[in-house]
Amino acid sequence: MHTSLPDFDMPNEEQVHLAAESFRLLSDPTRIKILWALLQGESSVACLAELADAAPAAVSQHLAKLRLAGLVKGRREGTFVYYSAADEHVRRLLVEGLFHADHVDRGEDANPARAVS
């Protein structure tokens, strides 16, 4: 069936598991706000809490989960930790997800060729 197609390729189980975990973590609106803010530049918990309209303790918990999943990274400076998005993959995931949501909301077909990066 599909395996007879010349370019057919399935991801391995580990890739599927890790991708599903990343998508699960991105299913929270506060985490999306936090990540979007971090795509604009590094930030502290206090600043992210204000931007995401969330309590600093909640933002810290979200950041810990995002960091363990490899979606954000932290840089310590004295007693402060400044967070940033882990890499360009995070930007692409978020931009594509928001682009798709915008088109679903408008009832339009999502055309990746028109995506804003």
PDB file of N, CA and C in Angstrom:
ATOM      1  N   MET A   1       0.839  -1.178   0.000  1.00  0.00           N
ATOM      2  CA  MET A   1       0.000   0.000   0.000  1.00  0.00           C
ATOM      3  C   MET A   1       0.888   1.247   0.000  1.00  0.00           C
ATOM      4  N   HIS A   2       0.950   1.985   1.100  1.00  0.00           N
ATOM      5  CA  HIS A   2       1.768   3.195   1.158  1.00  0.00           C
ATOM      6  C   HIS A   2       3.256   2.895   1.020  1.00  0.00           C
ATOM      7  N   THR A   3       3.663   1.763   1.552  1.00  0.00           N
ATOM      8  CA  THR A   3       5.087   1.429   1.514  1.00  0.00           C
ATOM      9  C   THR A   3       5.594   1.204   0.098  1.00  0.00           C
ATOM     10  N   SER A   4       4.693   1.024  -0.846  1.00  0.00           N
ATOM     11  CA  SER A   4       5.120   0.867  -2.235  1.00  0.00           C
ATOM     12  C   SER A   4       5.401   2.215  -2.896  1.00  0.00           C
ATOM     13  N   LEU A   5       5.022   3.303  -2.240  1.00  0.00           N
ATOM     14  CA  LEU A   5       5.316   4.638  -2.781  1.00  0.00           C
ATOM     15  C   LEU A   5       6.804   4.912  -2.631  1.00  0.00           C
ATOM     16  N   PRO A   6       7.461   5.458  -3.648  1.00  0.00           N
ATOM     17  CA  PRO A   6       8.917   5.613  -3.609  1.00  0.00           C
ATOM     18  C   PRO A   6       9.421   6.560  -2.513  1.00  0.00           C
ATOM     19  N   ASP A   7       8.695   7.604  -2.192  1.00  0.00           N
ATOM     20  CA  ASP A   7       9.168   8.568  -1.202  1.00  0.00           C
ATOM     21  C   ASP A   7       8.476   8.427   0.147  1.00  0.00           C
ATOM     22  N   PHE A   8       7.781   7.322   0.367  1.00  0.00           N
ATOM     23  CA  PHE A   8       7.054   7.129   1.621  1.00  0.00           C
ATOM     24  C   PHE A   8       8.032   6.918   2.763  1.00  0.00           C
ATOM     25  N   ASP A   9       7.809   7.663   3.843  1.00  0.00           N
ATOM     26  CA  ASP A   9       8.690   7.569   4.998  1.00  0.00           C
ATOM     27  C   ASP A   9       7.888   7.886   6.250  1.00  0.00           C
ATOM     28  N   MET A  10       7.976   7.047   7.252  1.00  0.00           N
ATOM     29  CA  MET A  10       7.317   7.275   8.536  1.00  0.00           C
ATOM     30  C   MET A  10       8.376   7.648   9.562  1.00  0.00           C
ATOM     31  N   PRO A  11       8.059   8.590  10.458  1.00  0.00           N
ATOM     32  CA  PRO A  11       9.012   8.908  11.527  1.00  0.00           C
ATOM     33  C   PRO A  11       9.118   7.726  12.490  1.00  0.00           C
ATOM     34  N   ASN A  12      10.259   7.636  13.173  1.00  0.00           N
ATOM     35  CA  ASN A  12      10.405   6.545  14.136  1.00  0.00           C
ATOM     36  C   ASN A  12       9.620   6.858  15.416  1.00  0.00           C
ATOM     37  N   GLU A  13       9.480   5.873  16.280  1.00  0.00           N
ATOM     38  CA  GLU A  13       8.656   6.012  17.483  1.00  0.00           C
ATOM     39  C   GLU A  13       9.146   7.141  18.401  1.00  0.00           C
ATOM     40  N   GLU A  14      10.447   7.278  18.534  1.00  0.00           N
ATOM     41  CA  GLU A  14      11.000   8.337  19.397  1.00  0.00           C
ATOM     42  C   GLU A  14      10.653   9.718  18.841  1.00  0.00           C
ATOM     43  N   GLN A  15      10.780   9.903  17.534  1.00  0.00           N
ATOM     44  CA  GLN A  15      10.421  11.179  16.914  1.00  0.00           C
ATOM     45  C   GLN A  15       8.943  11.490  17.133  1.00  0.00           C
ATOM     46  N   VAL A  16       8.089  10.499  16.960  1.00  0.00           N
ATOM     47  CA  VAL A  16       6.652  10.687  17.152  1.00  0.00           C
ATOM     48  C   VAL A  16       6.363  11.075  18.594  1.00  0.00           C
ATOM     49  N   HIS A  17       6.984  10.387  19.534  1.00  0.00           N
ATOM     50  CA  HIS A  17       6.770  10.674  20.955  1.00  0.00           C
ATOM     51  C   HIS A  17       7.215  12.094  21.302  1.00  0.00           C
ATOM     52  N   LEU A  18       8.398  12.475  20.854  1.00  0.00           N
ATOM     53  CA  LEU A  18       8.917  13.819  21.167  1.00  0.00           C
ATOM     54  C   LEU A  18       8.087  14.914  20.508  1.00  0.00           C
ATOM     55  N   ALA A  19       7.651  14.689  19.281  1.00  0.00           N
ATOM     56  CA  ALA A  19       6.804  15.680  18.606  1.00  0.00           C
ATOM     57  C   ALA A  19       5.468  15.822  19.331  1.00  0.00           C
ATOM     58  N   ALA A  20       4.878  14.704  19.727  1.00  0.00           N
ATOM     59  CA  ALA A  20       3.601  14.742  20.443  1.00  0.00           C
ATOM     60  C   ALA A  20       3.750  15.488  21.759  1.00  0.00           C
ATOM     61  N   GLU A  21       4.860  15.282  22.454  1.00  0.00           N
ATOM     62  CA  GLU A  21       5.105  15.987  23.716  1.00  0.00           C
ATOM     63  C   GLU A  21       5.246  17.487  23.478  1.00  0.00           C
ATOM     64  N   SER A  22       5.942  17.881  22.426  1.00  0.00           N
ATOM     65  CA  SER A  22       6.069  19.305  22.105  1.00  0.00           C
ATOM     66  C   SER A  22       4.707  19.908  21.789  1.00  0.00           C
ATOM     67  N   PHE A  23       3.911  19.207  20.994  1.00  0.00           N
ATOM     68  CA  PHE A  23       2.571  19.717  20.664  1.00  0.00           C
ATOM     69  C   PHE A  23       1.687  19.782  21.902  1.00  0.00           C
ATOM     70  N   ARG A  24       1.830  18.815  22.796  1.00  0.00           N
ATOM     71  CA  ARG A  24       1.050  18.834  24.039  1.00  0.00           C
ATOM     72  C   ARG A  24       1.394  20.079  24.856  1.00  0.00           C
ATOM     73  N   LEU A  25       2.675  20.377  24.939  1.00  0.00           N
ATOM     74  CA  LEU A  25       3.098  21.555  25.698  1.00  0.00           C
ATOM     75  C   LEU A  25       2.642  22.849  25.028  1.00  0.00           C
ATOM     76  N   LEU A  26       2.515  22.838  23.719  1.00  0.00           N
ATOM     77  CA  LEU A  26       2.062  24.024  22.999  1.00  0.00           C
ATOM     78  C   LEU A  26       0.545  24.174  23.012  1.00  0.00           C
ATOM     79  N   SER A  27      -0.163  23.250  23.662  1.00  0.00           N
ATOM     80  CA  SER A  27      -1.625  23.316  23.670  1.00  0.00           C
ATOM     81  C   SER A  27      -2.175  24.246  24.737  1.00  0.00           C
ATOM     82  N   ASP A  28      -1.315  24.906  25.479  1.00  0.00           N
ATOM     83  CA  ASP A  28      -1.746  25.816  26.535  1.00  0.00           C
ATOM     84  C   ASP A  28      -1.616  27.268  26.071  1.00  0.00           C
ATOM     85  N   PRO A  29      -2.685  28.066  26.146  1.00  0.00           N
ATOM     86  CA  PRO A  29      -2.629  29.462  25.676  1.00  0.00           C
ATOM     87  C   PRO A  29      -1.551  30.302  26.371  1.00  0.00           C
ATOM     88  N   THR A  30      -1.347  30.088  27.664  1.00  0.00           N
ATOM     89  CA  THR A  30      -0.315  30.865  28.372  1.00  0.00           C
ATOM     90  C   THR A  30       1.065  30.520  27.844  1.00  0.00           C
ATOM     91  N   ARG A  31       1.303  29.262  27.553  1.00  0.00           N
ATOM     92  CA  ARG A  31       2.611  28.859  27.012  1.00  0.00           C
ATOM     93  C   ARG A  31       2.831  29.451  25.625  1.00  0.00           C
ATOM     94  N   ILE A  32       1.777  29.519  24.836  1.00  0.00           N
ATOM     95  CA  ILE A  32       1.912  30.141  23.514  1.00  0.00           C
ATOM     96  C   ILE A  32       2.268  31.616  23.666  1.00  0.00           C
ATOM     97  N   LYS A  33       1.626  32.309  24.595  1.00  0.00           N
ATOM     98  CA  LYS A  33       1.956  33.723  24.832  1.00  0.00           C
ATOM     99  C   LYS A  33       3.403  33.867  25.297  1.00  0.00           C
ATOM    100  N   ILE A  34       3.818  33.005  26.205  1.00  0.00           N
ATOM    101  CA  ILE A  34       5.198  33.049  26.714  1.00  0.00           C
ATOM    102  C   ILE A  34       6.184  32.830  25.572  1.00  0.00           C
ATOM    103  N   LEU A  35       5.952  31.804  24.779  1.00  0.00           N
ATOM    104  CA  LEU A  35       6.862  31.518  23.669  1.00  0.00           C
ATOM    105  C   LEU A  35       6.874  32.646  22.651  1.00  0.00           C
ATOM    106  N   TRP A  36       5.712  33.203  22.350  1.00  0.00           N
ATOM    107  CA  TRP A  36       5.663  34.305  21.394  1.00  0.00           C
ATOM    108  C   TRP A  36       6.488  35.485  21.906  1.00  0.00           C
ATOM    109  N   ALA A  37       6.345  35.788  23.186  1.00  0.00           N
ATOM    110  CA  ALA A  37       7.136  36.874  23.786  1.00  0.00           C
ATOM    111  C   ALA A  37       8.625  36.562  23.685  1.00  0.00           C
ATOM    112  N   LEU A  38       8.996  35.314  23.930  1.00  0.00           N
ATOM    113  CA  LEU A  38      10.406  34.934  23.874  1.00  0.00           C
ATOM    114  C   LEU A  38      10.967  34.964  22.459  1.00  0.00           C
ATOM    115  N   LEU A  39      10.106  34.823  21.482  1.00  0.00           N
ATOM    116  CA  LEU A  39      10.576  34.927  20.097  1.00  0.00           C
ATOM    117  C   LEU A  39      10.942  36.369  19.756  1.00  0.00           C
ATOM    118  N   GLN A  40      10.466  37.314  20.554  1.00  0.00           N
ATOM    119  CA  GLN A  40      10.816  38.725  20.343  1.00  0.00           C
ATOM    120  C   GLN A  40      12.155  39.070  21.004  1.00  0.00           C
ATOM    121  N   GLY A  41      12.606  38.222  21.918  1.00  0.00           N
ATOM    122  CA  GLY A  41      13.873  38.437  22.611  1.00  0.00           C
ATOM    123  C   GLY A  41      13.821  37.830  23.992  1.00  0.00           C
ATOM    124  N   GLU A  42      14.979  37.705  24.621  1.00  0.00           N
ATOM    125  CA  GLU A  42      15.012  37.065  25.930  1.00  0.00           C
ATOM    126  C   GLU A  42      14.296  37.927  26.962  1.00  0.00           C
ATOM    127  N   SER A  43      13.825  37.260  28.026  1.00  0.00           N
ATOM    128  CA  SER A  43      13.011  37.950  29.010  1.00  0.00           C
ATOM    129  C   SER A  43      13.090  37.250  30.356  1.00  0.00           C
ATOM    130  N   SER A  44      12.739  37.980  31.398  1.00  0.00           N
ATOM    131  CA  SER A  44      12.694  37.432  32.747  1.00  0.00           C
ATOM    132  C   SER A  44      11.289  36.914  33.045  1.00  0.00           C
ATOM    133  N   VAL A  45      11.166  36.165  34.130  1.00  0.00           N
ATOM    134  CA  VAL A  45       9.866  35.639  34.549  1.00  0.00           C
ATOM    135  C   VAL A  45       8.896  36.783  34.813  1.00  0.00           C
ATOM    136  N   ALA A  46       9.350  37.822  35.499  1.00  0.00           N
ATOM    137  CA  ALA A  46       8.469  38.942  35.842  1.00  0.00           C
ATOM    138  C   ALA A  46       7.911  39.613  34.589  1.00  0.00           C
ATOM    139  N   CYS A  47       8.754  39.849  33.609  1.00  0.00           N
ATOM    140  CA  CYS A  47       8.320  40.477  32.361  1.00  0.00           C
ATOM    141  C   CYS A  47       7.360  39.559  31.608  1.00  0.00           C
ATOM    142  N   LEU A  48       7.675  38.271  31.557  1.00  0.00           N
ATOM    143  CA  LEU A  48       6.812  37.316  30.865  1.00  0.00           C
ATOM    144  C   LEU A  48       5.450  37.205  31.552  1.00  0.00           C
ATOM    145  N   ALA A  49       5.451  37.262  32.868  1.00  0.00           N
ATOM    146  CA  ALA A  49       4.191  37.200  33.614  1.00  0.00           C
ATOM    147  C   ALA A  49       3.298  38.369  33.241  1.00  0.00           C
ATOM    148  N   GLU A  50       3.898  39.538  33.126  1.00  0.00           N
ATOM    149  CA  GLU A  50       3.126  40.720  32.746  1.00  0.00           C
ATOM    150  C   GLU A  50       2.603  40.589  31.315  1.00  0.00           C
ATOM    151  N   LEU A  51       3.461  40.161  30.402  1.00  0.00           N
ATOM    152  CA  LEU A  51       3.063  40.019  28.999  1.00  0.00           C
ATOM    153  C   LEU A  51       1.980  38.958  28.805  1.00  0.00           C
ATOM    154  N   ALA A  52       2.070  37.863  29.560  1.00  0.00           N
ATOM    155  CA  ALA A  52       1.120  36.758  29.417  1.00  0.00           C
ATOM    156  C   ALA A  52      -0.096  36.917  30.323  1.00  0.00           C
ATOM    157  N   ASP A  53      -0.100  37.984  31.133  1.00  0.00           N
ATOM    158  CA  ASP A  53      -1.186  38.233  32.077  1.00  0.00           C
ATOM    159  C   ASP A  53      -1.397  37.011  32.975  1.00  0.00           C
ATOM    160  N   ALA A  54      -0.285  36.570  33.572  1.00  0.00           N
ATOM    161  CA  ALA A  54      -0.299  35.391  34.429  1.00  0.00           C
ATOM    162  C   ALA A  54       0.563  35.658  35.665  1.00  0.00           C
ATOM    163  N   ALA A  55       0.356  34.883  36.696  1.00  0.00           N
ATOM    164  CA  ALA A  55       1.148  35.017  37.917  1.00  0.00           C
ATOM    165  C   ALA A  55       2.579  34.546  37.658  1.00  0.00           C
ATOM    166  N   PRO A  56       3.564  35.232  38.255  1.00  0.00           N
ATOM    167  CA  PRO A  56       4.964  34.811  38.066  1.00  0.00           C
ATOM    168  C   PRO A  56       5.209  33.344  38.427  1.00  0.00           C
ATOM    169  N   ALA A  57       4.559  32.848  39.485  1.00  0.00           N
ATOM    170  CA  ALA A  57       4.752  31.442  39.870  1.00  0.00           C
ATOM    171  C   ALA A  57       4.255  30.510  38.768  1.00  0.00           C
ATOM    172  N   ALA A  58       3.134  30.843  38.157  1.00  0.00           N
ATOM    173  CA  ALA A  58       2.597  30.024  37.063  1.00  0.00           C
ATOM    174  C   ALA A  58       3.525  30.070  35.862  1.00  0.00           C
ATOM    175  N   VAL A  59       4.046  31.256  35.546  1.00  0.00           N
ATOM    176  CA  VAL A  59       4.971  31.397  34.418  1.00  0.00           C
ATOM    177  C   VAL A  59       6.234  30.578  34.676  1.00  0.00           C
ATOM    178  N   SER A  60       6.734  30.599  35.902  1.00  0.00           N
ATOM    179  CA  SER A  60       7.918  29.788  36.235  1.00  0.00           C
ATOM    180  C   SER A  60       7.661  28.315  35.999  1.00  0.00           C
ATOM    181  N   GLN A  61       6.478  27.837  36.381  1.00  0.00           N
ATOM    182  CA  GLN A  61       6.142  26.430  36.165  1.00  0.00           C
ATOM    183  C   GLN A  61       6.051  26.109  34.668  1.00  0.00           C
ATOM    184  N   HIS A  62       5.437  27.001  33.904  1.00  0.00           N
ATOM    185  CA  HIS A  62       5.359  26.800  32.453  1.00  0.00           C
ATOM    186  C   HIS A  62       6.755  26.769  31.847  1.00  0.00           C
ATOM    187  N   LEU A  63       7.603  27.696  32.256  1.00  0.00           N
ATOM    188  CA  LEU A  63       8.973  27.758  31.722  1.00  0.00           C
ATOM    189  C   LEU A  63       9.764  26.497  32.052  1.00  0.00           C
ATOM    190  N   ALA A  64       9.572  25.973  33.238  1.00  0.00           N
ATOM    191  CA  ALA A  64      10.284  24.744  33.620  1.00  0.00           C
ATOM    192  C   ALA A  64       9.902  23.599  32.687  1.00  0.00           C
ATOM    193  N   LYS A  65       8.625  23.474  32.383  1.00  0.00           N
ATOM    194  CA  LYS A  65       8.166  22.413  31.478  1.00  0.00           C
ATOM    195  C   LYS A  65       8.686  22.646  30.060  1.00  0.00           C
ATOM    196  N   LEU A  66       8.621  23.890  29.611  1.00  0.00           N
ATOM    197  CA  LEU A  66       9.100  24.216  28.268  1.00  0.00           C
ATOM    198  C   LEU A  66      10.606  23.983  28.147  1.00  0.00           C
ATOM    199  N   ARG A  67      11.332  24.275  29.216  1.00  0.00           N
ATOM    200  CA  ARG A  67      12.780  24.069  29.216  1.00  0.00           C
ATOM    201  C   ARG A  67      13.117  22.579  29.157  1.00  0.00           C
ATOM    202  N   LEU A  68      12.408  21.773  29.953  1.00  0.00           N
ATOM    203  CA  LEU A  68      12.643  20.324  29.939  1.00  0.00           C
ATOM    204  C   LEU A  68      12.343  19.715  28.575  1.00  0.00           C
ATOM    205  N   ALA A  69      11.400  20.295  27.859  1.00  0.00           N
ATOM    206  CA  ALA A  69      11.045  19.800  26.521  1.00  0.00           C
ATOM    207  C   ALA A  69      11.971  20.353  25.444  1.00  0.00           C
ATOM    208  N   GLY A  70      12.902  21.230  25.826  1.00  0.00           N
ATOM    209  CA  GLY A  70      13.842  21.779  24.855  1.00  0.00           C
ATOM    210  C   GLY A  70      13.275  22.909  24.016  1.00  0.00           C
ATOM    211  N   LEU A  71      12.163  23.509  24.455  1.00  0.00           N
ATOM    212  CA  LEU A  71      11.554  24.593  23.690  1.00  0.00           C
ATOM    213  C   LEU A  71      12.068  25.965  24.102  1.00  0.00           C
ATOM    214  N   VAL A  72      12.567  26.083  25.318  1.00  0.00           N
ATOM    215  CA  VAL A  72      13.178  27.335  25.775  1.00  0.00           C
ATOM    216  C   VAL A  72      14.499  27.021  26.454  1.00  0.00           C
ATOM    217  N   LYS A  73      15.318  28.036  26.585  1.00  0.00           N
ATOM    218  CA  LYS A  73      16.581  27.900  27.317  1.00  0.00           C
ATOM    219  C   LYS A  73      16.715  29.096  28.249  1.00  0.00           C
ATOM    220  N   GLY A  74      17.493  28.907  29.294  1.00  0.00           N
ATOM    221  CA  GLY A  74      17.694  29.960  30.272  1.00  0.00           C
ATOM    222  C   GLY A  74      19.141  30.366  30.371  1.00  0.00           C
ATOM    223  N   ARG A  75      19.343  31.647  30.706  1.00  0.00           N
ATOM    224  CA  ARG A  75      20.695  32.179  30.905  1.00  0.00           C
ATOM    225  C   ARG A  75      20.699  32.900  32.246  1.00  0.00           C
ATOM    226  N   ARG A  76      21.557  32.442  33.161  1.00  0.00           N
ATOM    227  CA  ARG A  76      21.623  33.037  34.490  1.00  0.00           C
ATOM    228  C   ARG A  76      22.545  34.249  34.476  1.00  0.00           C
ATOM    229  N   GLU A  77      22.070  35.320  35.103  1.00  0.00           N
ATOM    230  CA  GLU A  77      22.870  36.527  35.285  1.00  0.00           C
ATOM    231  C   GLU A  77      22.650  36.998  36.719  1.00  0.00           C
ATOM    232  N   GLY A  78      23.620  36.675  37.578  1.00  0.00           N
ATOM    233  CA  GLY A  78      23.457  36.969  39.004  1.00  0.00           C
ATOM    234  C   GLY A  78      22.334  36.122  39.567  1.00  0.00           C
ATOM    235  N   THR A  79      21.350  36.773  40.166  1.00  0.00           N
ATOM    236  CA  THR A  79      20.220  36.044  40.738  1.00  0.00           C
ATOM    237  C   THR A  79      19.055  35.912  39.758  1.00  0.00           C
ATOM    238  N   PHE A  80      19.182  36.490  38.576  1.00  0.00           N
ATOM    239  CA  PHE A  80      18.107  36.455  37.586  1.00  0.00           C
ATOM    240  C   PHE A  80      18.382  35.405  36.517  1.00  0.00           C
ATOM    241  N   VAL A  81      17.302  34.857  35.971  1.00  0.00           N
ATOM    242  CA  VAL A  81      17.404  33.962  34.822  1.00  0.00           C
ATOM    243  C   VAL A  81      16.632  34.621  33.694  1.00  0.00           C
ATOM    244  N   TYR A  82      17.269  34.705  32.547  1.00  0.00           N
ATOM    245  CA  TYR A  82      16.640  35.266  31.357  1.00  0.00           C
ATOM    246  C   TYR A  82      16.393  34.125  30.382  1.00  0.00           C
ATOM    247  N   TYR A  83      15.185  34.052  29.909  1.00  0.00           N
ATOM    248  CA  TYR A  83      14.770  32.964  29.031  1.00  0.00           C
ATOM    249  C   TYR A  83      14.693  33.422  27.588  1.00  0.00           C
ATOM    250  N   SER A  84      14.869  32.460  26.675  1.00  0.00           N
ATOM    251  CA  SER A  84      14.707  32.713  25.246  1.00  0.00           C
ATOM    252  C   SER A  84      14.197  31.438  24.592  1.00  0.00           C
ATOM    253  N   ALA A  85      13.652  31.584  23.400  1.00  0.00           N
ATOM    254  CA  ALA A  85      13.224  30.411  22.636  1.00  0.00           C
ATOM    255  C   ALA A  85      14.468  29.600  22.302  1.00  0.00           C
ATOM    256  N   ALA A  86      14.327  28.299  22.285  1.00  0.00           N
ATOM    257  CA  ALA A  86      15.483  27.418  22.114  1.00  0.00           C
ATOM    258  C   ALA A  86      16.155  27.555  20.756  1.00  0.00           C
ATOM    259  N   ASP A  87      15.353  27.670  19.694  1.00  0.00           N
ATOM    260  CA  ASP A  87      15.949  27.724  18.367  1.00  0.00           C
ATOM    261  C   ASP A  87      14.906  28.139  17.331  1.00  0.00           C
ATOM    262  N   GLU A  88      15.313  28.144  16.089  1.00  0.00           N
ATOM    263  CA  GLU A  88      14.444  28.559  14.989  1.00  0.00           C
ATOM    264  C   GLU A  88      13.271  27.596  14.784  1.00  0.00           C
ATOM    265  N   HIS A  89      13.433  26.346  15.195  1.00  0.00           N
ATOM    266  CA  HIS A  89      12.337  25.380  15.065  1.00  0.00           C
ATOM    267  C   HIS A  89      11.125  25.829  15.877  1.00  0.00           C
ATOM    268  N   VAL A  90      11.366  26.379  17.048  1.00  0.00           N
ATOM    269  CA  VAL A  90      10.274  26.847  17.905  1.00  0.00           C
ATOM    270  C   VAL A  90       9.524  27.978  17.204  1.00  0.00           C
ATOM    271  N   ARG A  91      10.268  28.878  16.584  1.00  0.00           N
ATOM    272  CA  ARG A  91       9.631  29.981  15.840  1.00  0.00           C
ATOM    273  C   ARG A  91       8.739  29.422  14.726  1.00  0.00           C
ATOM    274  N   ARG A  92       9.270  28.479  13.972  1.00  0.00           N
ATOM    275  CA  ARG A  92       8.496  27.926  12.854  1.00  0.00           C
ATOM    276  C   ARG A  92       7.243  27.202  13.341  1.00  0.00           C
ATOM    277  N   LEU A  93       7.367  26.432  14.425  1.00  0.00           N
ATOM    278  CA  LEU A  93       6.204  25.747  14.979  1.00  0.00           C
ATOM    279  C   LEU A  93       5.115  26.741  15.372  1.00  0.00           C
ATOM    280  N   LEU A  94       5.517  27.776  16.079  1.00  0.00           N
ATOM    281  CA  LEU A  94       4.548  28.749  16.566  1.00  0.00           C
ATOM    282  C   LEU A  94       3.958  29.574  15.438  1.00  0.00           C
ATOM    283  N   VAL A  95       4.791  30.037  14.521  1.00  0.00           N
ATOM    284  CA  VAL A  95       4.294  30.828  13.393  1.00  0.00           C
ATOM    285  C   VAL A  95       3.314  30.010  12.564  1.00  0.00           C
ATOM    286  N   GLU A  96       3.655  28.764  12.263  1.00  0.00           N
ATOM    287  CA  GLU A  96       2.762  27.924  11.467  1.00  0.00           C
ATOM    288  C   GLU A  96       1.459  27.646  12.206  1.00  0.00           C
ATOM    289  N   GLY A  97       1.551  27.367  13.511  1.00  0.00           N
ATOM    290  CA  GLY A  97       0.345  27.119  14.295  1.00  0.00           C
ATOM    291  C   GLY A  97      -0.570  28.329  14.328  1.00  0.00           C
ATOM    292  N   LEU A  98      -0.006  29.511  14.539  1.00  0.00           N
ATOM    293  CA  LEU A  98      -0.809  30.739  14.573  1.00  0.00           C
ATOM    294  C   LEU A  98      -1.344  31.084  13.190  1.00  0.00           C
ATOM    295  N   PHE A  99      -0.543  30.855  12.165  1.00  0.00           N
ATOM    296  CA  PHE A  99      -0.974  31.096  10.780  1.00  0.00           C
ATOM    297  C   PHE A  99      -2.168  30.201  10.448  1.00  0.00           C
ATOM    298  N   HIS A 100      -2.062  28.940  10.824  1.00  0.00           N
ATOM    299  CA  HIS A 100      -3.149  27.999  10.574  1.00  0.00           C
ATOM    300  C   HIS A 100      -4.404  28.414  11.351  1.00  0.00           C
ATOM    301  N   ALA A 101      -4.244  28.776  12.613  1.00  0.00           N
ATOM    302  CA  ALA A 101      -5.386  29.187  13.432  1.00  0.00           C
ATOM    303  C   ALA A 101      -6.076  30.411  12.842  1.00  0.00           C
ATOM    304  N   ASP A 102      -5.292  31.343  12.341  1.00  0.00           N
ATOM    305  CA  ASP A 102      -5.851  32.553  11.725  1.00  0.00           C
ATOM    306  C   ASP A 102      -6.699  32.193  10.517  1.00  0.00           C
ATOM    307  N   HIS A 103      -6.214  31.276   9.704  1.00  0.00           N
ATOM    308  CA  HIS A 103      -6.964  30.883   8.510  1.00  0.00           C
ATOM    309  C   HIS A 103      -8.206  30.060   8.844  1.00  0.00           C
ATOM    310  N   VAL A 104      -8.110  29.210   9.846  1.00  0.00           N
ATOM    311  CA  VAL A 104      -9.288  28.459  10.289  1.00  0.00           C
ATOM    312  C   VAL A 104     -10.327  29.438  10.820  1.00  0.00           C
ATOM    313  N   ASP A 105      -9.880  30.419  11.594  1.00  0.00           N
ATOM    314  CA  ASP A 105     -10.776  31.420  12.156  1.00  0.00           C
ATOM    315  C   ASP A 105     -11.498  32.208  11.063  1.00  0.00           C
ATOM    316  N   ARG A 106     -10.800  32.490   9.975  1.00  0.00           N
ATOM    317  CA  ARG A 106     -11.388  33.232   8.854  1.00  0.00           C
ATOM    318  C   ARG A 106     -12.143  32.339   7.880  1.00  0.00           C
ATOM    319  N   GLY A 107     -12.027  31.030   8.058  1.00  0.00           N
ATOM    320  CA  GLY A 107     -12.677  30.103   7.137  1.00  0.00           C
ATOM    321  C   GLY A 107     -11.958  30.003   5.810  1.00  0.00           C
ATOM    322  N   GLU A 108     -10.657  30.283   5.798  1.00  0.00           N
ATOM    323  CA  GLU A 108      -9.848  30.249   4.569  1.00  0.00           C
ATOM    324  C   GLU A 108      -8.981  28.998   4.556  1.00  0.00           C
ATOM    325  N   ASP A 109      -8.513  28.646   3.359  1.00  0.00           N
ATOM    326  CA  ASP A 109      -7.508  27.587   3.251  1.00  0.00           C
ATOM    327  C   ASP A 109      -6.172  28.156   3.681  1.00  0.00           C
ATOM    328  N   ALA A 110      -5.444  27.415   4.457  1.00  0.00           N
ATOM    329  CA  ALA A 110      -4.113  27.843   4.873  1.00  0.00           C
ATOM    330  C   ALA A 110      -3.115  27.461   3.794  1.00  0.00           C
ATOM    331  N   ASN A 111      -2.433  28.452   3.222  1.00  0.00           N
ATOM    332  CA  ASN A 111      -1.453  28.216   2.181  1.00  0.00           C
ATOM    333  C   ASN A 111      -0.074  28.518   2.765  1.00  0.00           C
ATOM    334  N   PRO A 112       0.731  27.478   3.095  1.00  0.00           N
ATOM    335  CA  PRO A 112       2.032  27.705   3.725  1.00  0.00           C
ATOM    336  C   PRO A 112       2.954  28.618   2.921  1.00  0.00           C
ATOM    337  N   ALA A 113       2.748  28.720   1.632  1.00  0.00           N
ATOM    338  CA  ALA A 113       3.626  29.577   0.818  1.00  0.00           C
ATOM    339  C   ALA A 113       3.465  31.047   1.193  1.00  0.00           C
ATOM    340  N   ARG A 114       2.338  31.399   1.814  1.00  0.00           N
ATOM    341  CA  ARG A 114       2.104  32.780   2.198  1.00  0.00           C
ATOM    342  C   ARG A 114       2.417  33.043   3.667  1.00  0.00           C
ATOM    343  N   ALA A 115       2.956  32.048   4.389  1.00  0.00           N
ATOM    344  CA  ALA A 115       3.212  32.201   5.821  1.00  0.00           C
ATOM    345  C   ALA A 115       4.236  33.305   6.076  1.00  0.00           C
ATOM    346  N   VAL A 116       4.020  34.011   7.146  1.00  0.00           N
ATOM    347  CA  VAL A 116       4.949  35.058   7.569  1.00  0.00           C
ATOM    348  C   VAL A 116       5.976  34.421   8.477  1.00  0.00           C
ATOM    349  N   SER A 117       7.241  34.726   8.247  1.00  0.00           N
ATOM    350  CA  SER A 117       8.273  34.139   9.114  1.00  0.00           C
ATOM    351  C   SER A 117       8.868  35.167  10.025  1.00  0.00           C
TER     352      SER A 117
END
